[in-house]
Amino acid sequence: MRDRIARHRADRDERWRTVEAPMDLIAAIRANDGSERVILVDCLTLWLSNLLLAERDLDAETHALAALIPTLGATIIMVSNEVGLSIVPDNALARRFRDAAGTLNQRLARICEAADFVVAGHPIRLGAS
């Protein structure tokens, strides 16, 4: 993971400010003093995994993030993995993660201006339900 983070940082120029917030994503977003016009969260499923393993209240954290997004003075772009397209995992932890990721993605997609599903580098705009 350290190598991956280092590669991501190296790919970005000096205009990017990186904040690592393994579990305190909401506090990190709130800390934006308005100087950041665009916030990129990469990625929600890693954040969710960290919360799950720390036995945090996933519903409360998801609700808090969903409540924060409409109040932001910045554009927020959130990356999340779609983990529900494969077979049903054979263990309880993986099933709980898959279900929680689906709930998180659905809840955020409902409040965001747009949601795109990216396949092989090609974005597909998802419609309102």
C-alpha atoms as a PDB file:
ATOM      1  CA  MET A   1       0.000   0.000   0.000  1.00  0.00           C
ATOM      2  CA  ARG A   2       2.886   2.364   0.747  1.00  0.00           C
ATOM      3  CA  ASP A   3       4.251   1.789  -2.772  1.00  0.00           C
ATOM      4  CA  ARG A   4       0.840   2.434  -4.271  1.00  0.00           C
ATOM      5  CA  ILE A   5       0.437   5.699  -2.344  1.00  0.00           C
ATOM      6  CA  ALA A   6       3.948   6.783  -3.346  1.00  0.00           C
ATOM      7  CA  ARG A   7       3.146   6.060  -7.012  1.00  0.00           C
ATOM      8  CA  HIS A   8      -0.088   8.077  -6.803  1.00  0.00           C
ATOM      9  CA  ARG A   9       1.764  11.018  -5.254  1.00  0.00           C
ATOM     10  CA  ALA A  10       4.520  10.839  -7.886  1.00  0.00           C
ATOM     11  CA  ASP A  11       1.911  10.918 -10.673  1.00  0.00           C
ATOM     12  CA  ARG A  12       0.444  14.188  -9.359  1.00  0.00           C
ATOM     13  CA  ASP A  13       2.059  17.579  -9.721  1.00  0.00           C
ATOM     14  CA  GLU A  14       2.697  20.168  -6.988  1.00  0.00           C
ATOM     15  CA  ARG A  15      -0.847  21.537  -7.189  1.00  0.00           C
ATOM     16  CA  TRP A  16      -2.107  18.420  -5.405  1.00  0.00           C
ATOM     17  CA  ARG A  17      -2.237  18.329  -1.632  1.00  0.00           C
ATOM     18  CA  THR A  18      -2.532  14.803  -0.253  1.00  0.00           C
ATOM     19  CA  VAL A  19      -4.256  14.121   3.052  1.00  0.00           C
ATOM     20  CA  GLU A  20      -4.263  10.587   4.353  1.00  0.00           C
ATOM     21  CA  ALA A  21      -7.322   9.898   6.480  1.00  0.00           C
ATOM     22  CA  PRO A  22      -7.680   6.130   6.899  1.00  0.00           C
ATOM     23  CA  MET A  23     -10.719   6.448   9.178  1.00  0.00           C
ATOM     24  CA  ASP A  24     -11.271  10.156   9.790  1.00  0.00           C
ATOM     25  CA  LEU A  25     -12.380  11.041   6.284  1.00  0.00           C
ATOM     26  CA  ILE A  26     -15.203  13.273   7.490  1.00  0.00           C
ATOM     27  CA  ALA A  27     -12.868  15.308   9.718  1.00  0.00           C
ATOM     28  CA  ALA A  28     -10.368  15.614   6.862  1.00  0.00           C
ATOM     29  CA  ILE A  29     -13.062  16.937   4.514  1.00  0.00           C
ATOM     30  CA  ARG A  30     -14.392  19.324   7.167  1.00  0.00           C
ATOM     31  CA  ALA A  31     -10.851  20.654   7.696  1.00  0.00           C
ATOM     32  CA  ASN A  32     -10.914  22.179   4.207  1.00  0.00           C
ATOM     33  CA  ASP A  33     -10.715  25.901   4.877  1.00  0.00           C
ATOM     34  CA  GLY A  34     -12.167  26.725   1.488  1.00  0.00           C
ATOM     35  CA  SER A  35      -8.794  26.876  -0.213  1.00  0.00           C
ATOM     36  CA  GLU A  36      -9.473  23.566  -1.953  1.00  0.00           C
ATOM     37  CA  ARG A  37     -12.049  24.020  -4.693  1.00  0.00           C
ATOM     38  CA  VAL A  38     -11.986  20.333  -5.609  1.00  0.00           C
ATOM     39  CA  ILE A  39     -11.624  17.424  -3.206  1.00  0.00           C
ATOM     40  CA  LEU A  40     -10.816  13.953  -4.509  1.00  0.00           C
ATOM     41  CA  VAL A  41     -11.573  11.052  -2.184  1.00  0.00           C
ATOM     42  CA  ASP A  42      -9.707   7.952  -3.290  1.00  0.00           C
ATOM     43  CA  CYS A  43     -11.212   5.682  -2.211  1.00  0.00           C
ATOM     44  CA  LEU A  44     -14.426   5.181  -0.281  1.00  0.00           C
ATOM     45  CA  THR A  45     -14.188   1.396  -0.208  1.00  0.00           C
ATOM     46  CA  LEU A  46     -10.766   1.525   1.445  1.00  0.00           C
ATOM     47  CA  TRP A  47     -12.184   3.941   4.030  1.00  0.00           C
ATOM     48  CA  LEU A  48     -15.131   1.603   4.541  1.00  0.00           C
ATOM     49  CA  SER A  49     -12.835  -1.384   4.947  1.00  0.00           C
ATOM     50  CA  ASN A  50     -10.837   0.470   7.603  1.00  0.00           C
ATOM     51  CA  LEU A  51     -14.024   1.371   9.471  1.00  0.00           C
ATOM     52  CA  LEU A  52     -15.312  -2.185   9.269  1.00  0.00           C
ATOM     53  CA  LEU A  53     -12.105  -3.692  10.637  1.00  0.00           C
ATOM     54  CA  ALA A  54     -12.064  -1.102  13.437  1.00  0.00           C
ATOM     55  CA  GLU A  55     -15.662  -2.099  14.262  1.00  0.00           C
ATOM     56  CA  ARG A  56     -16.969   1.429  13.794  1.00  0.00           C
ATOM     57  CA  ASP A  57     -20.650   2.153  13.187  1.00  0.00           C
ATOM     58  CA  LEU A  58     -20.822   1.979   9.370  1.00  0.00           C
ATOM     59  CA  ASP A  59     -24.355   3.315   9.158  1.00  0.00           C
ATOM     60  CA  ALA A  60     -23.547   6.327  11.328  1.00  0.00           C
ATOM     61  CA  GLU A  61     -20.354   7.075   9.372  1.00  0.00           C
ATOM     62  CA  THR A  62     -22.159   6.738   6.034  1.00  0.00           C
ATOM     63  CA  HIS A  63     -24.964   8.985   7.267  1.00  0.00           C
ATOM     64  CA  ALA A  64     -22.470  11.608   8.502  1.00  0.00           C
ATOM     65  CA  LEU A  65     -20.646  11.644   5.156  1.00  0.00           C
ATOM     66  CA  ALA A  66     -23.912  11.893   3.235  1.00  0.00           C
ATOM     67  CA  ALA A  67     -25.012  14.796   5.457  1.00  0.00           C
ATOM     68  CA  LEU A  68     -21.698  16.622   4.988  1.00  0.00           C
ATOM     69  CA  ILE A  69     -21.511  16.500   1.183  1.00  0.00           C
ATOM     70  CA  PRO A  70     -24.349  18.973   0.433  1.00  0.00           C
ATOM     71  CA  THR A  71     -22.810  21.519   2.820  1.00  0.00           C
ATOM     72  CA  LEU A  72     -19.435  21.665   1.076  1.00  0.00           C
ATOM     73  CA  GLY A  73     -18.253  24.764  -0.699  1.00  0.00           C
ATOM     74  CA  ALA A  74     -16.070  22.595  -2.918  1.00  0.00           C
ATOM     75  CA  THR A  75     -16.665  20.062  -5.640  1.00  0.00           C
ATOM     76  CA  ILE A  76     -16.099  16.570  -4.275  1.00  0.00           C
ATOM     77  CA  ILE A  77     -15.204  13.624  -6.467  1.00  0.00           C
ATOM     78  CA  MET A  78     -15.447  10.269  -4.736  1.00  0.00           C
ATOM     79  CA  VAL A  79     -13.953   7.061  -6.056  1.00  0.00           C
ATOM     80  CA  SER A  80     -15.483   3.794  -4.934  1.00  0.00           C
ATOM     81  CA  ASN A  81     -15.150   0.223  -6.079  1.00  0.00           C
ATOM     82  CA  GLU A  82     -18.191  -1.737  -7.200  1.00  0.00           C
ATOM     83  CA  VAL A  83     -17.829  -5.003  -5.321  1.00  0.00           C
ATOM     84  CA  GLY A  84     -21.293  -6.457  -5.844  1.00  0.00           C
ATOM     85  CA  LEU A  85     -20.904  -7.693  -9.416  1.00  0.00           C
ATOM     86  CA  SER A  86     -19.032 -10.865  -8.562  1.00  0.00           C
ATOM     87  CA  ILE A  87     -20.050 -14.042  -6.788  1.00  0.00           C
ATOM     88  CA  VAL A  88     -21.347 -13.881  -3.226  1.00  0.00           C
ATOM     89  CA  PRO A  89     -18.330 -14.180  -0.906  1.00  0.00           C
ATOM     90  CA  ASP A  90     -18.072 -17.357   1.145  1.00  0.00           C
ATOM     91  CA  ASN A  91     -17.258 -15.639   4.444  1.00  0.00           C
ATOM     92  CA  ALA A  92     -19.306 -13.362   6.666  1.00  0.00           C
ATOM     93  CA  LEU A  93     -16.822 -10.476   6.798  1.00  0.00           C
ATOM     94  CA  ALA A  94     -16.551 -10.248   3.012  1.00  0.00           C
ATOM     95  CA  ARG A  95     -20.351 -10.413   2.652  1.00  0.00           C
ATOM     96  CA  ARG A  96     -20.776  -7.666   5.246  1.00  0.00           C
ATOM     97  CA  PHE A  97     -18.214  -5.516   3.414  1.00  0.00           C
ATOM     98  CA  ARG A  98     -19.887  -6.099   0.038  1.00  0.00           C
ATOM     99  CA  ASP A  99     -23.299  -5.159   1.431  1.00  0.00           C
ATOM    100  CA  ALA A 100     -21.958  -2.100   3.262  1.00  0.00           C
ATOM    101  CA  ALA A 101     -20.160  -0.900   0.118  1.00  0.00           C
ATOM    102  CA  GLY A 102     -23.385  -1.250  -1.860  1.00  0.00           C
ATOM    103  CA  THR A 103     -25.302   0.708   0.761  1.00  0.00           C
ATOM    104  CA  LEU A 104     -22.631   3.431   0.851  1.00  0.00           C
ATOM    105  CA  ASN A 105     -22.527   3.741  -2.943  1.00  0.00           C
ATOM    106  CA  GLN A 106     -26.312   3.873  -3.227  1.00  0.00           C
ATOM    107  CA  ARG A 107     -26.723   6.434  -0.445  1.00  0.00           C
ATOM    108  CA  LEU A 108     -24.097   8.746  -1.914  1.00  0.00           C
ATOM    109  CA  ALA A 109     -25.303   8.341  -5.496  1.00  0.00           C
ATOM    110  CA  ARG A 110     -28.756   9.534  -4.388  1.00  0.00           C
ATOM    111  CA  ILE A 111     -27.423  12.866  -3.123  1.00  0.00           C
ATOM    112  CA  CYS A 112     -24.737  13.561  -5.713  1.00  0.00           C
ATOM    113  CA  GLU A 113     -25.214  15.548  -8.906  1.00  0.00           C
ATOM    114  CA  ALA A 114     -23.826  12.669 -10.962  1.00  0.00           C
ATOM    115  CA  ALA A 115     -22.670   9.095 -10.587  1.00  0.00           C
ATOM    116  CA  ASP A 116     -20.523   7.392 -13.174  1.00  0.00           C
ATOM    117  CA  PHE A 117     -19.687   3.714 -13.453  1.00  0.00           C
ATOM    118  CA  VAL A 118     -16.275   3.319 -15.062  1.00  0.00           C
ATOM    119  CA  VAL A 119     -15.526   0.136 -17.001  1.00  0.00           C
ATOM    120  CA  ALA A 120     -12.152  -0.320 -18.700  1.00  0.00           C
ATOM    121  CA  GLY A 121     -11.562   3.409 -18.477  1.00  0.00           C
ATOM    122  CA  HIS A 122     -14.903   4.308 -20.056  1.00  0.00           C
ATOM    123  CA  PRO A 123     -17.400   6.218 -17.882  1.00  0.00           C
ATOM    124  CA  ILE A 124     -21.062   5.319 -18.036  1.00  0.00           C
ATOM    125  CA  ARG A 125     -23.355   7.970 -16.543  1.00  0.00           C
ATOM    126  CA  LEU A 126     -25.896   6.362 -14.220  1.00  0.00           C
ATOM    127  CA  GLY A 127     -29.439   7.664 -14.387  1.00  0.00           C
ATOM    128  CA  ALA A 128     -31.702   8.667 -11.532  1.00  0.00           C
ATOM    129  CA  SER A 129     -33.943   5.959 -10.181  1.00  0.00           C
END
